[in-house]
mmCIF file of all heavy atoms, coordinates in Angstrom:
data_MODEL
# 
_entry.id   MODEL 
# 
loop_
_atom_site.group_PDB 
_atom_site.id 
_atom_site.type_symbol 
_atom_site.label_atom_id 
_atom_site.label_alt_id 
_atom_site.label_comp_id 
_atom_site.label_asym_id 
_atom_site.label_entity_id 
_atom_site.label_seq_id 
_atom_site.pdbx_PDB_ins_code 
_atom_site.Cartn_x 
_atom_site.Cartn_y 
_atom_site.Cartn_z 
_atom_site.occupancy 
_atom_site.B_iso_or_equiv 
_atom_site.pdbx_formal_charge 
_atom_site.auth_seq_id 
_atom_site.auth_comp_id 
_atom_site.auth_asym_id 
_atom_site.auth_atom_id 
_atom_site.pdbx_PDB_model_num 
ATOM 1   N N   . GLY A 1 1  ? -7.223 -18.550 -9.447  1.00 0.00 ? 1  GLY A N   1 
ATOM 2   C CA  . GLY A 1 1  ? -8.532 -18.394 -8.850  1.00 0.00 ? 1  GLY A CA  1 
ATOM 3   C C   . GLY A 1 1  ? -8.509 -18.076 -7.368  1.00 0.00 ? 1  GLY A C   1 
ATOM 4   O O   . GLY A 1 1  ? -9.557 -17.740 -6.799  1.00 0.00 ? 1  GLY A O   1 
ATOM 5   N N   . GLY A 1 2  ? -7.351 -18.166 -6.754  1.00 0.00 ? 2  GLY A N   1 
ATOM 6   C CA  . GLY A 1 2  ? -7.222 -17.906 -5.336  1.00 0.00 ? 2  GLY A CA  1 
ATOM 7   C C   . GLY A 1 2  ? -7.133 -16.432 -5.010  1.00 0.00 ? 2  GLY A C   1 
ATOM 8   O O   . GLY A 1 2  ? -7.214 -15.569 -5.885  1.00 0.00 ? 2  GLY A O   1 
ATOM 9   N N   . SER A 1 3  ? -6.945 -16.155 -3.726  1.00 0.00 ? 3  SER A N   1 
ATOM 10  C CA  . SER A 1 3  ? -6.878 -14.785 -3.227  1.00 0.00 ? 3  SER A CA  1 
ATOM 11  C C   . SER A 1 3  ? -5.631 -14.584 -2.390  1.00 0.00 ? 3  SER A C   1 
ATOM 12  O O   . SER A 1 3  ? -5.084 -15.531 -1.816  1.00 0.00 ? 3  SER A O   1 
ATOM 13  C CB  . SER A 1 3  ? -8.114 -14.452 -2.382  1.00 0.00 ? 3  SER A CB  1 
ATOM 14  O OG  . SER A 1 3  ? -9.307 -14.560 -3.126  1.00 0.00 ? 3  SER A OG  1 
ATOM 15  N N   . LEU A 1 4  ? -5.191 -13.341 -2.319  1.00 0.00 ? 4  LEU A N   1 
ATOM 16  C CA  . LEU A 1 4  ? -4.024 -12.980 -1.540  1.00 0.00 ? 4  LEU A CA  1 
ATOM 17  C C   . LEU A 1 4  ? -4.154 -11.519 -1.137  1.00 0.00 ? 4  LEU A C   1 
ATOM 18  O O   . LEU A 1 4  ? -4.687 -10.707 -1.906  1.00 0.00 ? 4  LEU A O   1 
ATOM 19  C CB  . LEU A 1 4  ? -2.754 -13.202 -2.351  1.00 0.00 ? 4  LEU A CB  1 
ATOM 20  C CG  . LEU A 1 4  ? -1.450 -13.531 -1.625  1.00 0.00 ? 4  LEU A CG  1 
ATOM 21  C CD1 . LEU A 1 4  ? -1.596 -14.805 -0.795  1.00 0.00 ? 4  LEU A CD1 1 
ATOM 22  C CD2 . LEU A 1 4  ? -0.325 -13.675 -2.625  1.00 0.00 ? 4  LEU A CD2 1 
ATOM 23  N N   . ARG A 1 5  ? -3.663 -11.182 0.048   1.00 0.00 ? 5  ARG A N   1 
ATOM 24  C CA  . ARG A 1 5  ? -3.707 -9.814  0.544   1.00 0.00 ? 5  ARG A CA  1 
ATOM 25  C C   . ARG A 1 5  ? -2.289 -9.328  0.805   1.00 0.00 ? 5  ARG A C   1 
ATOM 26  O O   . ARG A 1 5  ? -1.588 -9.868  1.664   1.00 0.00 ? 5  ARG A O   1 
ATOM 27  C CB  . ARG A 1 5  ? -4.538 -9.726  1.823   1.00 0.00 ? 5  ARG A CB  1 
ATOM 28  C CG  . ARG A 1 5  ? -4.781 -8.300  2.319   1.00 0.00 ? 5  ARG A CG  1 
ATOM 29  C CD  . ARG A 1 5  ? -5.603 -8.324  3.600   1.00 0.00 ? 5  ARG A CD  1 
ATOM 30  N NE  . ARG A 1 5  ? -5.957 -7.003  4.096   1.00 0.00 ? 5  ARG A NE  1 
ATOM 31  C CZ  . ARG A 1 5  ? -7.063 -6.346  3.754   1.00 0.00 ? 5  ARG A CZ  1 
ATOM 32  N NH1 . ARG A 1 5  ? -7.943 -6.894  2.926   1.00 0.00 ? 5  ARG A NH1 1 
ATOM 33  N NH2 . ARG A 1 5  ? -7.302 -5.142  4.269   1.00 0.00 ? 5  ARG A NH2 1 
ATOM 34  N N   . LEU A 1 6  ? -1.882 -8.305  0.073   1.00 0.00 ? 6  LEU A N   1 
ATOM 35  C CA  . LEU A 1 6  ? -0.575 -7.707  0.250   1.00 0.00 ? 6  LEU A CA  1 
ATOM 36  C C   . LEU A 1 6  ? -0.670 -6.499  1.167   1.00 0.00 ? 6  LEU A C   1 
ATOM 37  O O   . LEU A 1 6  ? -1.673 -5.788  1.163   1.00 0.00 ? 6  LEU A O   1 
ATOM 38  C CB  . LEU A 1 6  ? 0.018  -7.275  -1.091  1.00 0.00 ? 6  LEU A CB  1 
ATOM 39  C CG  . LEU A 1 6  ? 0.106  -8.339  -2.188  1.00 0.00 ? 6  LEU A CG  1 
ATOM 40  C CD1 . LEU A 1 6  ? 0.781  -7.750  -3.416  1.00 0.00 ? 6  LEU A CD1 1 
ATOM 41  C CD2 . LEU A 1 6  ? 0.840  -9.572  -1.690  1.00 0.00 ? 6  LEU A CD2 1 
ATOM 42  N N   . SER A 1 7  ? 0.386  -6.273  1.932   1.00 0.00 ? 7  SER A N   1 
ATOM 43  C CA  . SER A 1 7  ? 0.446  -5.141  2.839   1.00 0.00 ? 7  SER A CA  1 
ATOM 44  C C   . SER A 1 7  ? 1.695  -4.327  2.565   1.00 0.00 ? 7  SER A C   1 
ATOM 45  O O   . SER A 1 7  ? 2.720  -4.860  2.151   1.00 0.00 ? 7  SER A O   1 
ATOM 46  C CB  . SER A 1 7  ? 0.467  -5.605  4.301   1.00 0.00 ? 7  SER A CB  1 
ATOM 47  O OG  . SER A 1 7  ? -0.686 -6.348  4.627   1.00 0.00 ? 7  SER A OG  1 
ATOM 48  N N   . CYS A 1 8  ? 1.607  -3.039  2.797   1.00 0.00 ? 8  CYS A N   1 
ATOM 49  C CA  . CYS A 1 8  ? 2.744  -2.137  2.708   1.00 0.00 ? 8  CYS A CA  1 
ATOM 50  C C   . CYS A 1 8  ? 2.714  -1.233  3.918   1.00 0.00 ? 8  CYS A C   1 
ATOM 51  O O   . CYS A 1 8  ? 1.821  -0.384  4.043   1.00 0.00 ? 8  CYS A O   1 
ATOM 52  C CB  . CYS A 1 8  ? 2.695  -1.327  1.416   1.00 0.00 ? 8  CYS A CB  1 
ATOM 53  S SG  . CYS A 1 8  ? 3.965  -0.047  1.292   1.00 0.00 ? 8  CYS A SG  1 
ATOM 54  N N   . ALA A 1 9  ? 3.665  -1.419  4.813   1.00 0.00 ? 9  ALA A N   1 
ATOM 55  C CA  . ALA A 1 9  ? 3.785  -0.571  5.990   1.00 0.00 ? 9  ALA A CA  1 
ATOM 56  C C   . ALA A 1 9  ? 4.534  0.699   5.619   1.00 0.00 ? 9  ALA A C   1 
ATOM 57  O O   . ALA A 1 9  ? 5.635  0.635   5.070   1.00 0.00 ? 9  ALA A O   1 
ATOM 58  C CB  . ALA A 1 9  ? 4.505  -1.314  7.108   1.00 0.00 ? 9  ALA A CB  1 
ATOM 59  N N   . ALA A 1 10 ? 3.942  1.836   5.911   1.00 0.00 ? 10 ALA A N   1 
ATOM 60  C CA  . ALA A 1 10 ? 4.503  3.131   5.548   1.00 0.00 ? 10 ALA A CA  1 
ATOM 61  C C   . ALA A 1 10 ? 4.881  3.914   6.789   1.00 0.00 ? 10 ALA A C   1 
ATOM 62  O O   . ALA A 1 10 ? 4.142  3.936   7.776   1.00 0.00 ? 10 ALA A O   1 
ATOM 63  C CB  . ALA A 1 10 ? 3.511  3.925   4.704   1.00 0.00 ? 10 ALA A CB  1 
ATOM 64  N N   . SER A 1 11 ? 6.025  4.565   6.740   1.00 0.00 ? 11 SER A N   1 
ATOM 65  C CA  . SER A 1 11 ? 6.485  5.377   7.859   1.00 0.00 ? 11 SER A CA  1 
ATOM 66  C C   . SER A 1 11 ? 5.736  6.695   7.930   1.00 0.00 ? 11 SER A C   1 
ATOM 67  O O   . SER A 1 11 ? 5.281  7.233   6.912   1.00 0.00 ? 11 SER A O   1 
ATOM 68  C CB  . SER A 1 11 ? 7.981  5.660   7.726   1.00 0.00 ? 11 SER A CB  1 
ATOM 69  O OG  . SER A 1 11 ? 8.733  4.462   7.724   1.00 0.00 ? 11 SER A OG  1 
ATOM 70  N N   . GLY A 1 12 ? 5.609  7.225   9.133   1.00 0.00 ? 12 GLY A N   1 
ATOM 71  C CA  . GLY A 1 12 ? 5.041  8.544   9.338   1.00 0.00 ? 12 GLY A CA  1 
ATOM 72  C C   . GLY A 1 12 ? 3.607  8.666   8.874   1.00 0.00 ? 12 GLY A C   1 
ATOM 73  O O   . GLY A 1 12 ? 2.800  7.748   9.029   1.00 0.00 ? 12 GLY A O   1 
ATOM 74  N N   . SER A 1 13 ? 3.296  9.810   8.269   1.00 0.00 ? 13 SER A N   1 
ATOM 75  C CA  . SER A 1 13 ? 1.942  10.123  7.817   1.00 0.00 ? 13 SER A CA  1 
ATOM 76  C C   . SER A 1 13 ? 1.812  10.054  6.301   1.00 0.00 ? 13 SER A C   1 
ATOM 77  O O   . SER A 1 13 ? 1.001  10.771  5.716   1.00 0.00 ? 13 SER A O   1 
ATOM 78  C CB  . SER A 1 13 ? 1.550  11.511  8.305   1.00 0.00 ? 13 SER A CB  1 
ATOM 79  O OG  . SER A 1 13 ? 1.602  11.602  9.707   1.00 0.00 ? 13 SER A OG  1 
ATOM 80  N N   . ILE A 1 14 ? 2.575  9.196   5.668   1.00 0.00 ? 14 ILE A N   1 
ATOM 81  C CA  . ILE A 1 14 ? 2.605  9.112   4.216   1.00 0.00 ? 14 ILE A CA  1 
ATOM 82  C C   . ILE A 1 14 ? 1.216  8.894   3.629   1.00 0.00 ? 14 ILE A C   1 
ATOM 83  O O   . ILE A 1 14 ? 0.826  9.531   2.647   1.00 0.00 ? 14 ILE A O   1 
ATOM 84  C CB  . ILE A 1 14 ? 3.567  8.001   3.759   1.00 0.00 ? 14 ILE A CB  1 
ATOM 85  C CG1 . ILE A 1 14 ? 4.996  8.327   4.194   1.00 0.00 ? 14 ILE A CG1 1 
ATOM 86  C CG2 . ILE A 1 14 ? 3.481  7.807   2.248   1.00 0.00 ? 14 ILE A CG2 1 
ATOM 87  C CD1 . ILE A 1 14 ? 5.514  9.630   3.637   1.00 0.00 ? 14 ILE A CD1 1 
ATOM 88  N N   . LEU A 1 15 ? 0.443  7.987   4.219   1.00 0.00 ? 15 LEU A N   1 
ATOM 89  C CA  . LEU A 1 15 ? -0.867 7.656   3.674   1.00 0.00 ? 15 LEU A CA  1 
ATOM 90  C C   . LEU A 1 15 ? -1.839 8.824   3.733   1.00 0.00 ? 15 LEU A C   1 
ATOM 91  O O   . LEU A 1 15 ? -2.808 8.844   2.973   1.00 0.00 ? 15 LEU A O   1 
ATOM 92  C CB  . LEU A 1 15 ? -1.459 6.451   4.404   1.00 0.00 ? 15 LEU A CB  1 
ATOM 93  C CG  . LEU A 1 15 ? -0.644 5.162   4.362   1.00 0.00 ? 15 LEU A CG  1 
ATOM 94  C CD1 . LEU A 1 15 ? -1.429 4.029   5.011   1.00 0.00 ? 15 LEU A CD1 1 
ATOM 95  C CD2 . LEU A 1 15 ? -0.273 4.794   2.936   1.00 0.00 ? 15 LEU A CD2 1 
ATOM 96  N N   . ASN A 1 16 ? -1.601 9.767   4.619   1.00 0.00 ? 16 ASN A N   1 
ATOM 97  C CA  . ASN A 1 16 ? -2.452 10.943  4.743   1.00 0.00 ? 16 ASN A CA  1 
ATOM 98  C C   . ASN A 1 16 ? -2.055 12.061  3.793   1.00 0.00 ? 16 ASN A C   1 
ATOM 99  O O   . ASN A 1 16 ? -2.825 13.009  3.619   1.00 0.00 ? 16 ASN A O   1 
ATOM 100 C CB  . ASN A 1 16 ? -2.412 11.484  6.169   1.00 0.00 ? 16 ASN A CB  1 
ATOM 101 C CG  . ASN A 1 16 ? -2.990 10.519  7.184   1.00 0.00 ? 16 ASN A CG  1 
ATOM 102 O OD1 . ASN A 1 16 ? -4.205 10.405  7.315   1.00 0.00 ? 16 ASN A OD1 1 
ATOM 103 N ND2 . ASN A 1 16 ? -2.113 9.832   7.901   1.00 0.00 ? 16 ASN A ND2 1 
ATOM 104 N N   . LEU A 1 17 ? -0.865 11.972  3.193   1.00 0.00 ? 17 LEU A N   1 
ATOM 105 C CA  . LEU A 1 17 ? -0.321 13.077  2.419   1.00 0.00 ? 17 LEU A CA  1 
ATOM 106 C C   . LEU A 1 17 ? -0.252 12.808  0.925   1.00 0.00 ? 17 LEU A C   1 
ATOM 107 O O   . LEU A 1 17 ? -0.366 13.753  0.136   1.00 0.00 ? 17 LEU A O   1 
ATOM 108 C CB  . LEU A 1 17 ? 1.082  13.417  2.923   1.00 0.00 ? 17 LEU A CB  1 
ATOM 109 C CG  . LEU A 1 17 ? 1.192  13.892  4.376   1.00 0.00 ? 17 LEU A CG  1 
ATOM 110 C CD1 . LEU A 1 17 ? 2.657  14.031  4.761   1.00 0.00 ? 17 LEU A CD1 1 
ATOM 111 C CD2 . LEU A 1 17 ? 0.461  15.210  4.556   1.00 0.00 ? 17 LEU A CD2 1 
ATOM 112 N N   . TYR A 1 18 ? -0.055 11.572  0.526   1.00 0.00 ? 18 TYR A N   1 
ATOM 113 C CA  . TYR A 1 18 ? 0.274  11.285  -0.866  1.00 0.00 ? 18 TYR A CA  1 
ATOM 114 C C   . TYR A 1 18 ? -0.621 10.218  -1.463  1.00 0.00 ? 18 TYR A C   1 
ATOM 115 O O   . TYR A 1 18 ? -1.182 9.367   -0.768  1.00 0.00 ? 18 TYR A O   1 
ATOM 116 C CB  . TYR A 1 18 ? 1.727  10.819  -0.980  1.00 0.00 ? 18 TYR A CB  1 
ATOM 117 C CG  . TYR A 1 18 ? 2.727  11.810  -0.452  1.00 0.00 ? 18 TYR A CG  1 
ATOM 118 C CD1 . TYR A 1 18 ? 3.397  11.569  0.742   1.00 0.00 ? 18 TYR A CD1 1 
ATOM 119 C CD2 . TYR A 1 18 ? 3.004  12.976  -1.145  1.00 0.00 ? 18 TYR A CD2 1 
ATOM 120 C CE1 . TYR A 1 18 ? 4.320  12.476  1.231   1.00 0.00 ? 18 TYR A CE1 1 
ATOM 121 C CE2 . TYR A 1 18 ? 3.923  13.885  -0.661  1.00 0.00 ? 18 TYR A CE2 1 
ATOM 122 C CZ  . TYR A 1 18 ? 4.578  13.631  0.531   1.00 0.00 ? 18 TYR A CZ  1 
ATOM 123 O OH  . TYR A 1 18 ? 5.491  14.539  1.002   1.00 0.00 ? 18 TYR A OH  1 
ATOM 124 N N   . THR A 1 19 ? -0.725 10.266  -2.781  1.00 0.00 ? 19 THR A N   1 
ATOM 125 C CA  . THR A 1 19 ? -1.294 9.155   -3.523  1.00 0.00 ? 19 THR A CA  1 
ATOM 126 C C   . THR A 1 19 ? -0.356 7.956   -3.421  1.00 0.00 ? 19 THR A C   1 
ATOM 127 O O   . THR A 1 19 ? 0.857  8.097   -3.583  1.00 0.00 ? 19 THR A O   1 
ATOM 128 C CB  . THR A 1 19 ? -1.501 9.548   -4.996  1.00 0.00 ? 19 THR A CB  1 
ATOM 129 O OG1 . THR A 1 19 ? -2.530 10.533  -5.072  1.00 0.00 ? 19 THR A OG1 1 
ATOM 130 C CG2 . THR A 1 19 ? -1.886 8.346   -5.831  1.00 0.00 ? 19 THR A CG2 1 
ATOM 131 N N   . MET A 1 20 ? -0.923 6.791   -3.136  1.00 0.00 ? 20 MET A N   1 
ATOM 132 C CA  . MET A 1 20 ? -0.155 5.567   -3.006  1.00 0.00 ? 20 MET A CA  1 
ATOM 133 C C   . MET A 1 20 ? -0.457 4.647   -4.179  1.00 0.00 ? 20 MET A C   1 
ATOM 134 O O   . MET A 1 20 ? -1.589 4.614   -4.676  1.00 0.00 ? 20 MET A O   1 
ATOM 135 C CB  . MET A 1 20 ? -0.481 4.848   -1.697  1.00 0.00 ? 20 MET A CB  1 
ATOM 136 C CG  . MET A 1 20 ? -0.273 5.678   -0.449  1.00 0.00 ? 20 MET A CG  1 
ATOM 137 S SD  . MET A 1 20 ? 1.452  6.167   -0.191  1.00 0.00 ? 20 MET A SD  1 
ATOM 138 C CE  . MET A 1 20 ? 2.246  4.567   -0.019  1.00 0.00 ? 20 MET A CE  1 
ATOM 139 N N   . ASN A 1 21 ? 0.547  3.905   -4.586  1.00 0.00 ? 21 ASN A N   1 
ATOM 140 C CA  . ASN A 1 21 ? 0.425  3.048   -5.755  1.00 0.00 ? 21 ASN A CA  1 
ATOM 141 C C   . ASN A 1 21 ? 0.954  1.650   -5.465  1.00 0.00 ? 21 ASN A C   1 
ATOM 142 O O   . ASN A 1 21 ? 1.875  1.469   -4.665  1.00 0.00 ? 21 ASN A O   1 
ATOM 143 C CB  . ASN A 1 21 ? 1.214  3.621   -6.939  1.00 0.00 ? 21 ASN A CB  1 
ATOM 144 C CG  . ASN A 1 21 ? 0.921  5.082   -7.183  1.00 0.00 ? 21 ASN A CG  1 
ATOM 145 O OD1 . ASN A 1 21 ? -0.184 5.443   -7.593  1.00 0.00 ? 21 ASN A OD1 1 
ATOM 146 N ND2 . ASN A 1 21 ? 1.910  5.935   -6.935  1.00 0.00 ? 21 ASN A ND2 1 
ATOM 147 N N   . TRP A 1 22 ? 0.356  0.675   -6.134  1.00 0.00 ? 22 TRP A N   1 
ATOM 148 C CA  . TRP A 1 22 ? 0.901  -0.668  -6.220  1.00 0.00 ? 22 TRP A CA  1 
ATOM 149 C C   . TRP A 1 22 ? 1.355  -0.904  -7.654  1.00 0.00 ? 22 TRP A C   1 
ATOM 150 O O   . TRP A 1 22 ? 0.598  -0.654  -8.593  1.00 0.00 ? 22 TRP A O   1 
ATOM 151 C CB  . TRP A 1 22 ? -0.126 -1.724  -5.835  1.00 0.00 ? 22 TRP A CB  1 
ATOM 152 C CG  . TRP A 1 22 ? -0.325 -1.900  -4.367  1.00 0.00 ? 22 TRP A CG  1 
ATOM 153 C CD1 . TRP A 1 22 ? -1.359 -1.437  -3.617  1.00 0.00 ? 22 TRP A CD1 1 
ATOM 154 C CD2 . TRP A 1 22 ? 0.530  -2.629  -3.469  1.00 0.00 ? 22 TRP A CD2 1 
ATOM 155 N NE1 . TRP A 1 22 ? -1.213 -1.809  -2.309  1.00 0.00 ? 22 TRP A NE1 1 
ATOM 156 C CE2 . TRP A 1 22 ? -0.059 -2.547  -2.187  1.00 0.00 ? 22 TRP A CE2 1 
ATOM 157 C CE3 . TRP A 1 22 ? 1.725  -3.335  -3.625  1.00 0.00 ? 22 TRP A CE3 1 
ATOM 158 C CZ2 . TRP A 1 22 ? 0.515  -3.151  -1.066  1.00 0.00 ? 22 TRP A CZ2 1 
ATOM 159 C CZ3 . TRP A 1 22 ? 2.295  -3.930  -2.508  1.00 0.00 ? 22 TRP A CZ3 1 
ATOM 160 C CH2 . TRP A 1 22 ? 1.689  -3.828  -1.252  1.00 0.00 ? 22 TRP A CH2 1 
ATOM 161 N N   . TYR A 1 23 ? 2.586  -1.377  -7.798  1.00 0.00 ? 23 TYR A N   1 
ATOM 162 C CA  . TYR A 1 23 ? 3.148  -1.741  -9.083  1.00 0.00 ? 23 TYR A CA  1 
ATOM 163 C C   . TYR A 1 23 ? 3.438  -3.226  -9.114  1.00 0.00 ? 23 TYR A C   1 
ATOM 164 O O   . TYR A 1 23 ? 3.762  -3.831  -8.092  1.00 0.00 ? 23 TYR A O   1 
ATOM 165 C CB  . TYR A 1 23 ? 4.452  -0.986  -9.351  1.00 0.00 ? 23 TYR A CB  1 
ATOM 166 C CG  . TYR A 1 23 ? 4.285  0.440   -9.813  1.00 0.00 ? 23 TYR A CG  1 
ATOM 167 C CD1 . TYR A 1 23 ? 4.018  1.457   -8.915  1.00 0.00 ? 23 TYR A CD1 1 
ATOM 168 C CD2 . TYR A 1 23 ? 4.422  0.774   -11.160 1.00 0.00 ? 23 TYR A CD2 1 
ATOM 169 C CE1 . TYR A 1 23 ? 3.885  2.770   -9.339  1.00 0.00 ? 23 TYR A CE1 1 
ATOM 170 C CE2 . TYR A 1 23 ? 4.294  2.081   -11.587 1.00 0.00 ? 23 TYR A CE2 1 
ATOM 171 C CZ  . TYR A 1 23 ? 4.027  3.072   -10.673 1.00 0.00 ? 23 TYR A CZ  1 
ATOM 172 O OH  . TYR A 1 23 ? 3.898  4.373   -11.093 1.00 0.00 ? 23 TYR A OH  1 
ATOM 173 N N   . LEU A 1 24 ? 3.345  -3.790  -10.298 1.00 0.00 ? 24 LEU A N   1 
ATOM 174 C CA  . LEU A 1 24 ? 3.727  -5.172  -10.540 1.00 0.00 ? 24 LEU A CA  1 
ATOM 175 C C   . LEU A 1 24 ? 4.876  -5.203  -11.530 1.00 0.00 ? 24 LEU A C   1 
ATOM 176 O O   . LEU A 1 24 ? 4.824  -4.529  -12.562 1.00 0.00 ? 24 LEU A O   1 
ATOM 177 C CB  . LEU A 1 24 ? 2.552  -5.979  -11.104 1.00 0.00 ? 24 LEU A CB  1 
ATOM 178 C CG  . LEU A 1 24 ? 2.890  -7.362  -11.692 1.00 0.00 ? 24 LEU A CG  1 
ATOM 179 C CD1 . LEU A 1 24 ? 3.424  -8.290  -10.612 1.00 0.00 ? 24 LEU A CD1 1 
ATOM 180 C CD2 . LEU A 1 24 ? 1.683  -7.964  -12.390 1.00 0.00 ? 24 LEU A CD2 1 
# 
């Protein structure tokens, strides 16, 4: 029932260029 915030630091301009995914 709790909450958590995960972060992923990406090099360069990756977030502007590609689809990003979270996997479990």
